[in-house]
Amino acid sequence: MRILIALGGNALLRRGQTPDSENQQANIETAARAIAAVACEHEVIVTHGNGPQVGLLALESAADHALTHPYPLDVLGAETQGMIGYLLAQALRNELPPGREVATVVTETLVSGTDPAFAAPTKFVGPVYTKPEADHLAAERGYTIAQDGPAWRRVVASPEPQGIIEAQTIRAMIADGTLVICAGGGGAPVIRDQATGSLRGIEAVVDKDLTAEVLAELLDADMLVLLTDVPYVQRGYGTDHPENLHTTTPDELATDHFAAGSMGPKIEAACRFVELTGRTAAIGALDDAPAIVHGEAGTRICRSVVEREAYASA
């Protein structure tokens, strides 16, 4: 199968960990082992999150008094693609059989400059803060701040991905047998000038799960696997009686509420892929990646109840 694996930002930097190089290196080595186990049996494309990393770079850029203006988010997003892609590619080469090609593509994601998301920021980036710390940053730097569980974080615009500029290049590399790491952090957001056709970056962060879904469609992936730090999607998450979902459908998931800042985009991406392609999506924990692909772990989203029941009884 051709499988697109999307690594959540929390799979690369666990909740509560400091964004030190050593922590990220250790988590990426764990991720590489899980991905390599799948890549030994299937054709794999990898995307990844960058929320903690791009937020940290934004803080560093804003605090650098040598800069007249801080670097914009599209540039910082491209920077994290290079950083995380380098670490992932190196770790994957160390896990895969000798001679297996691995490459990182710094990817641009096409968005609309008139997307309503620019007027209503929702995408979490950067570290967590206490309420007083968040209020101080909002006043000092003009950040928009929102609550993320018990803490507070910066939120930025997250427009809908409309296309992947490097899709044909990525497709050619896959056909040549290369394991491609691409569209990290949702890709660097760009808009196209309707008169000239030229591209330019725009201040935003595209949701990496929604970009992964678009990429999975464009590359004709057989399966979209969204890996995070929880083993299952839960119905009634945060209640006294949560229920792990082993198999489900887009229609069934539509009856539940999932938080916009965490599981919500994964559910939306998975359901879109299933509905638009008729193929399978799955969500689960990074360590369970091979078992998720084999249908032995995680939450599998099927096209219909009939398909779900057939899978469950297999």
Protein backbone atom coordinates (compact mmCIF):
# COMPACT_ATOMS: atom_id res chain seq x y z
CA MET A 1 0.00 0.00 0.00
CA ARG A 2 0.92 3.65 -0.34
CA ILE A 3 0.50 5.13 3.16
CA LEU A 4 0.74 8.75 4.19
CA ILE A 5 1.80 9.01 7.85
CA ALA A 6 1.18 12.32 9.62
CA LEU A 7 3.13 12.74 12.85
CA GLY A 8 1.50 15.03 15.39
CA GLY A 9 3.60 17.75 16.98
CA ASN A 10 3.05 16.10 20.36
CA ALA A 11 4.51 12.87 19.00
CA LEU A 12 7.78 14.74 18.37
CA LEU A 13 7.76 16.88 21.50
CA ARG A 14 5.71 15.33 24.30
CA ARG A 15 3.37 17.45 26.37
CA GLY A 16 5.23 19.20 29.17
CA GLN A 17 8.68 18.55 27.70
CA THR A 18 11.05 21.45 27.19
CA PRO A 19 11.82 22.00 23.47
CA ASP A 20 15.47 21.03 23.88
CA SER A 21 17.35 19.41 21.02
CA GLU A 22 17.98 16.28 23.12
CA ASN A 23 14.26 15.74 23.80
CA GLN A 24 13.35 16.17 20.16
CA GLN A 25 16.19 13.90 19.02
CA ALA A 26 15.05 11.10 21.35
CA ASN A 27 11.40 11.41 20.27
CA ILE A 28 12.34 11.51 16.59
CA GLU A 29 14.40 8.34 16.96
CA THR A 30 11.33 6.66 18.49
CA ALA A 31 9.21 7.94 15.60
CA ALA A 32 11.74 6.70 13.05
CA ARG A 33 11.63 3.16 14.45
CA ALA A 34 7.83 3.10 14.17
CA ILE A 35 7.82 4.55 10.65
CA ALA A 36 10.61 2.24 9.46
CA ALA A 37 8.63 -0.80 10.60
CA VAL A 38 5.81 0.31 8.29
CA ALA A 39 8.14 1.40 5.47
CA CYS A 40 9.70 -2.05 5.29
CA GLU A 41 6.32 -3.39 4.10
CA HIS A 42 4.70 -0.41 2.38
CA GLU A 43 5.39 2.75 0.36
CA VAL A 44 5.44 5.58 2.92
CA ILE A 45 5.23 9.38 2.79
CA VAL A 46 5.74 11.30 6.05
CA THR A 47 4.40 14.66 7.20
CA HIS A 48 4.84 16.13 10.66
CA GLY A 49 3.67 18.84 13.03
CA ASN A 50 5.69 21.85 14.09
CA GLY A 51 3.52 23.78 16.57
CA PRO A 52 5.96 23.83 19.51
CA GLN A 53 8.95 24.45 17.27
CA VAL A 54 7.51 27.27 15.16
CA GLY A 55 6.19 28.98 18.28
CA LEU A 56 9.62 28.86 19.88
CA LEU A 57 11.27 30.31 16.77
CA ALA A 58 8.66 33.07 16.68
CA LEU A 59 9.48 34.00 20.28
CA GLU A 60 13.21 34.01 19.56
CA SER A 61 12.72 36.16 16.45
CA ALA A 62 10.49 38.63 18.31
CA ALA A 63 13.07 38.92 21.11
CA ASP A 64 16.01 39.56 18.76
CA HIS A 65 16.59 43.31 18.96
CA ALA A 66 18.96 43.16 15.99
CA LEU A 67 15.95 42.54 13.72
CA THR A 68 13.88 45.46 12.47
CA HIS A 69 10.93 43.08 12.03
CA PRO A 70 10.54 39.50 13.34
CA TYR A 71 10.57 36.76 10.71
CA PRO A 72 7.04 35.94 9.44
CA LEU A 73 5.39 32.62 10.20
CA ASP A 74 5.70 31.26 6.66
CA VAL A 75 9.49 31.67 6.81
CA LEU A 76 9.65 30.16 10.30
CA GLY A 77 7.48 27.27 9.11
CA ALA A 78 9.93 26.60 6.28
CA GLU A 79 12.77 26.72 8.80
CA THR A 80 11.11 24.06 10.98
CA GLN A 81 10.57 21.86 7.91
CA GLY A 82 14.30 21.87 7.35
CA MET A 83 15.16 21.28 11.01
CA ILE A 84 12.68 18.50 11.75
CA GLY A 85 13.07 17.00 8.26
CA TYR A 86 16.83 16.78 8.72
CA LEU A 87 16.47 14.97 12.05
CA LEU A 88 13.77 12.63 10.74
CA ALA A 89 15.64 11.80 7.53
CA GLN A 90 18.82 10.99 9.42
CA ALA A 91 17.00 8.82 11.97
CA LEU A 92 15.07 6.99 9.23
CA ARG A 93 18.25 6.23 7.27
CA ASN A 94 19.70 4.70 10.42
CA GLU A 95 16.64 2.45 10.82
CA LEU A 96 15.95 1.45 7.20
CA PRO A 97 17.89 -1.14 5.17
CA PRO A 98 21.07 0.21 3.52
CA GLY A 99 20.44 1.95 0.22
CA ARG A 100 16.87 3.08 0.94
CA GLU A 101 16.62 6.69 -0.20
CA VAL A 102 15.12 9.29 2.17
CA ALA A 103 14.66 12.97 1.31
CA THR A 104 13.08 16.06 2.85
CA VAL A 105 11.17 18.49 0.62
CA VAL A 106 10.51 21.99 1.98
CA THR A 107 6.93 22.35 0.83
CA GLU A 108 4.68 25.29 0.00
CA THR A 109 0.93 25.00 0.59
CA LEU A 110 -1.42 27.13 -1.49
CA VAL A 111 -4.07 29.04 0.50
CA SER A 112 -6.51 31.85 -0.28
CA GLY A 113 -5.68 35.36 0.87
CA THR A 114 -9.42 35.91 1.48
CA ASP A 115 -9.86 32.86 3.71
CA PRO A 116 -12.05 33.86 6.69
CA ALA A 117 -9.54 32.17 9.02
CA PHE A 118 -7.38 35.29 8.83
CA ALA A 119 -10.07 37.15 10.78
CA ALA A 120 -10.46 34.42 13.43
CA PRO A 121 -7.15 32.85 14.57
CA THR A 122 -7.54 29.34 16.02
CA LYS A 123 -4.27 27.44 15.48
CA PHE A 124 -2.16 26.87 18.61
CA VAL A 125 1.58 27.51 18.27
CA GLY A 126 4.40 27.70 20.78
CA PRO A 127 4.66 26.84 24.48
CA VAL A 128 1.95 26.93 27.13
CA TYR A 129 1.60 29.85 29.55
CA THR A 130 -0.17 30.77 32.73
CA LYS A 131 -2.93 33.33 32.30
CA PRO A 132 -0.79 36.24 33.59
CA GLU A 133 2.08 35.26 31.25
CA ALA A 134 -0.33 35.01 28.32
CA ASP A 135 -1.89 38.39 29.09
CA HIS A 136 1.57 39.96 29.25
CA LEU A 137 2.55 38.55 25.83
CA ALA A 138 -0.74 39.65 24.33
CA ALA A 139 -0.16 43.21 25.54
CA GLU A 140 3.55 43.32 24.69
CA ARG A 141 3.56 41.60 21.28
CA GLY A 142 -0.01 41.78 20.08
CA TYR A 143 -0.51 38.02 20.19
CA THR A 144 -3.97 36.49 20.14
CA ILE A 145 -4.20 34.10 23.10
CA ALA A 146 -6.63 31.23 23.74
CA GLN A 147 -7.08 28.57 26.39
CA ASP A 148 -5.58 25.14 25.65
CA GLY A 149 -6.77 22.77 28.38
CA PRO A 150 -5.63 24.13 31.74
CA ALA A 151 -3.06 26.48 30.15
CA TRP A 152 -2.95 29.29 27.58
CA ARG A 153 -1.20 29.50 24.20
CA ARG A 154 -0.79 31.79 21.23
CA VAL A 155 -3.22 31.22 18.35
CA VAL A 156 -2.66 32.28 14.73
CA ALA A 157 -4.64 32.17 11.48
CA SER A 158 -5.04 28.71 9.97
CA PRO A 159 -6.41 28.95 6.40
CA GLU A 160 -7.66 25.92 4.46
CA PRO A 161 -5.04 24.18 2.30
CA GLN A 162 -6.01 24.30 -1.38
CA GLY A 163 -3.05 22.60 -3.02
CA ILE A 164 0.59 21.54 -2.71
CA ILE A 165 3.00 23.41 -4.98
CA GLU A 166 5.59 20.59 -5.03
CA ALA A 167 3.08 17.72 -5.46
CA GLN A 168 4.42 16.57 -8.85
CA THR A 169 8.01 16.65 -7.59
CA ILE A 170 7.04 14.59 -4.55
CA ARG A 171 5.15 12.12 -6.74
CA ALA A 172 8.20 11.65 -8.99
CA MET A 173 10.45 11.03 -5.99
CA ILE A 174 8.05 8.41 -4.61
CA ALA A 175 7.94 6.67 -7.99
CA ASP A 176 11.73 6.49 -7.82
CA GLY A 177 11.54 4.64 -4.49
CA THR A 178 12.35 7.54 -2.18
CA LEU A 179 10.72 7.85 1.24
CA VAL A 180 9.73 11.52 1.18
CA ILE A 181 9.31 13.76 4.24
CA CYS A 182 7.26 16.77 3.19
CA ALA A 183 4.59 19.34 4.09
CA GLY A 184 5.94 19.65 7.62
CA GLY A 185 3.78 21.83 9.82
CA GLY A 186 1.18 21.94 7.05
CA GLY A 187 3.70 23.46 4.65
CA ALA A 188 4.73 27.10 4.30
CA PRO A 189 1.52 28.99 3.38
CA VAL A 190 1.63 30.87 0.08
CA ILE A 191 -0.93 32.78 -2.00
CA ARG A 192 -0.94 33.17 -5.78
CA ASP A 193 -1.27 36.51 -7.55
CA GLN A 194 -4.20 36.06 -9.92
CA ALA A 195 -2.78 38.51 -12.45
CA THR A 196 0.82 37.26 -12.65
CA GLY A 197 0.63 33.75 -11.20
CA SER A 198 3.52 34.52 -8.84
CA LEU A 199 3.60 33.16 -5.30
CA ARG A 200 4.35 34.88 -2.02
CA GLY A 201 4.28 33.76 1.59
CA ILE A 202 1.61 34.87 4.04
CA GLU A 203 1.53 35.11 7.84
CA ALA A 204 -0.28 31.94 8.94
CA VAL A 205 0.13 28.30 9.94
CA VAL A 206 -1.78 25.72 7.90
CA ASP A 207 -3.18 22.79 9.87
CA LYS A 208 -0.85 19.88 9.19
CA ASP A 209 -3.59 17.24 9.36
CA LEU A 210 -5.72 18.99 6.74
CA THR A 211 -2.64 19.44 4.54
CA ALA A 212 -1.85 15.74 5.01
CA GLU A 213 -5.34 14.91 3.75
CA VAL A 214 -4.92 17.08 0.64
CA LEU A 215 -1.51 15.53 0.01
CA ALA A 216 -2.88 11.99 0.49
CA GLU A 217 -5.50 12.70 -2.17
CA LEU A 218 -3.00 14.21 -4.61
CA LEU A 219 -0.62 11.26 -4.19
CA ASP A 220 -3.36 8.60 -4.44
CA ALA A 221 -2.54 7.20 -1.00
CA ASP A 222 -4.33 3.99 -0.04
CA MET A 223 -4.38 4.95 3.63
CA LEU A 224 -4.01 8.07 5.76
CA VAL A 225 -2.57 7.42 9.23
CA LEU A 226 -2.58 10.23 11.80
CA LEU A 227 -0.22 9.49 14.70
CA THR A 228 -0.39 11.35 17.99
CA ASP A 229 0.16 10.72 21.71
CA VAL A 230 -3.12 8.91 22.48
CA PRO A 231 -3.97 5.32 21.48
CA TYR A 232 -7.59 5.87 20.36
CA VAL A 233 -10.16 8.48 19.50
CA GLN A 234 -12.50 8.65 22.48
CA ARG A 235 -16.20 9.35 22.48
CA GLY A 236 -17.00 11.46 25.53
CA TYR A 237 -13.38 12.52 26.08
CA GLY A 238 -13.03 14.39 29.38
CA THR A 239 -16.25 12.92 30.80
CA ASP A 240 -16.65 10.31 33.53
CA HIS A 241 -17.31 7.59 30.95
CA PRO A 242 -15.05 7.94 27.90
CA GLU A 243 -15.30 5.23 25.25
CA ASN A 244 -12.41 4.11 23.06
CA LEU A 245 -13.47 3.89 19.40
CA HIS A 246 -11.91 0.96 17.55
CA THR A 247 -13.88 1.33 14.31
CA THR A 248 -16.22 4.11 13.25
CA THR A 249 -17.51 6.10 10.27
CA PRO A 250 -17.60 9.79 9.33
CA ASP A 251 -21.35 9.89 9.99
CA GLU A 252 -20.91 8.47 13.47
CA LEU A 253 -18.08 10.87 14.29
CA ALA A 254 -20.21 13.81 13.14
CA THR A 255 -22.48 13.30 16.15
CA ASP A 256 -19.64 14.02 18.63
CA HIS A 257 -17.69 17.17 19.47
CA PHE A 258 -13.90 17.11 19.26
CA ALA A 259 -11.73 20.00 20.40
CA ALA A 260 -10.60 22.33 17.61
CA GLY A 261 -7.10 22.62 19.09
CA SER A 262 -6.37 18.91 19.39
CA MET A 263 -8.38 15.96 18.04
CA GLY A 264 -10.81 18.02 15.95
CA PRO A 265 -8.54 18.60 12.91
CA LYS A 266 -7.47 14.94 12.90
CA ILE A 267 -11.11 13.81 12.82
CA GLU A 268 -11.91 16.31 10.08
CA ALA A 269 -8.91 15.26 7.98
CA ALA A 270 -9.59 11.55 8.40
CA CYS A 271 -13.28 11.92 7.54
CA ARG A 272 -12.56 14.05 4.47
CA PHE A 273 -10.12 11.47 3.16
CA VAL A 274 -12.56 8.61 3.66
CA GLU A 275 -15.51 10.48 2.17
CA LEU A 276 -13.62 11.86 -0.84
CA THR A 277 -11.62 8.74 -1.75
CA GLY A 278 -13.56 5.82 -0.31
CA ARG A 279 -10.32 4.61 1.28
CA THR A 280 -9.33 4.12 4.92
CA ALA A 281 -8.00 6.48 7.58
CA ALA A 282 -6.76 5.70 11.06
CA ILE A 283 -5.78 7.63 14.19
CA GLY A 284 -3.65 6.32 17.03
CA ALA A 285 -0.44 6.40 19.04
CA LEU A 286 2.97 6.71 17.44
CA ASP A 287 4.32 3.56 19.11
CA ASP A 288 1.43 1.55 17.63
CA ALA A 289 2.06 2.56 14.00
CA PRO A 290 2.64 -0.95 12.55
CA ALA A 291 -0.33 -2.36 14.47
CA ILE A 292 -2.54 0.54 13.32
CA VAL A 293 -1.73 -0.20 9.68
CA HIS A 294 -2.55 -3.89 10.25
CA GLY A 295 -5.85 -2.95 11.91
CA GLU A 296 -4.78 -4.19 15.34
CA ALA A 297 -4.66 -0.85 17.19
CA GLY A 298 -5.91 2.71 16.99
CA THR A 299 -9.21 4.01 15.63
CA ARG A 300 -10.04 3.03 12.05
CA ILE A 301 -12.46 5.23 10.10
CA CYS A 302 -14.39 3.31 7.45
CA ARG A 303 -16.62 4.60 4.67
CA SER A 304 -19.89 3.05 5.91
CA VAL A 305 -21.45 1.03 8.71
CA VAL A 306 -21.45 -2.04 6.45
CA GLU A 307 -17.72 -1.67 5.81
CA ARG A 308 -17.05 -0.98 9.48
CA GLU A 309 -18.94 -4.10 10.59
CA ALA A 310 -17.19 -6.23 7.97
CA TYR A 311 -13.83 -4.97 9.20
CA ALA A 312 -14.75 -5.49 12.88
CA SER A 313 -15.83 -9.08 12.26
CA ALA A 314 -12.78 -9.98 10.13
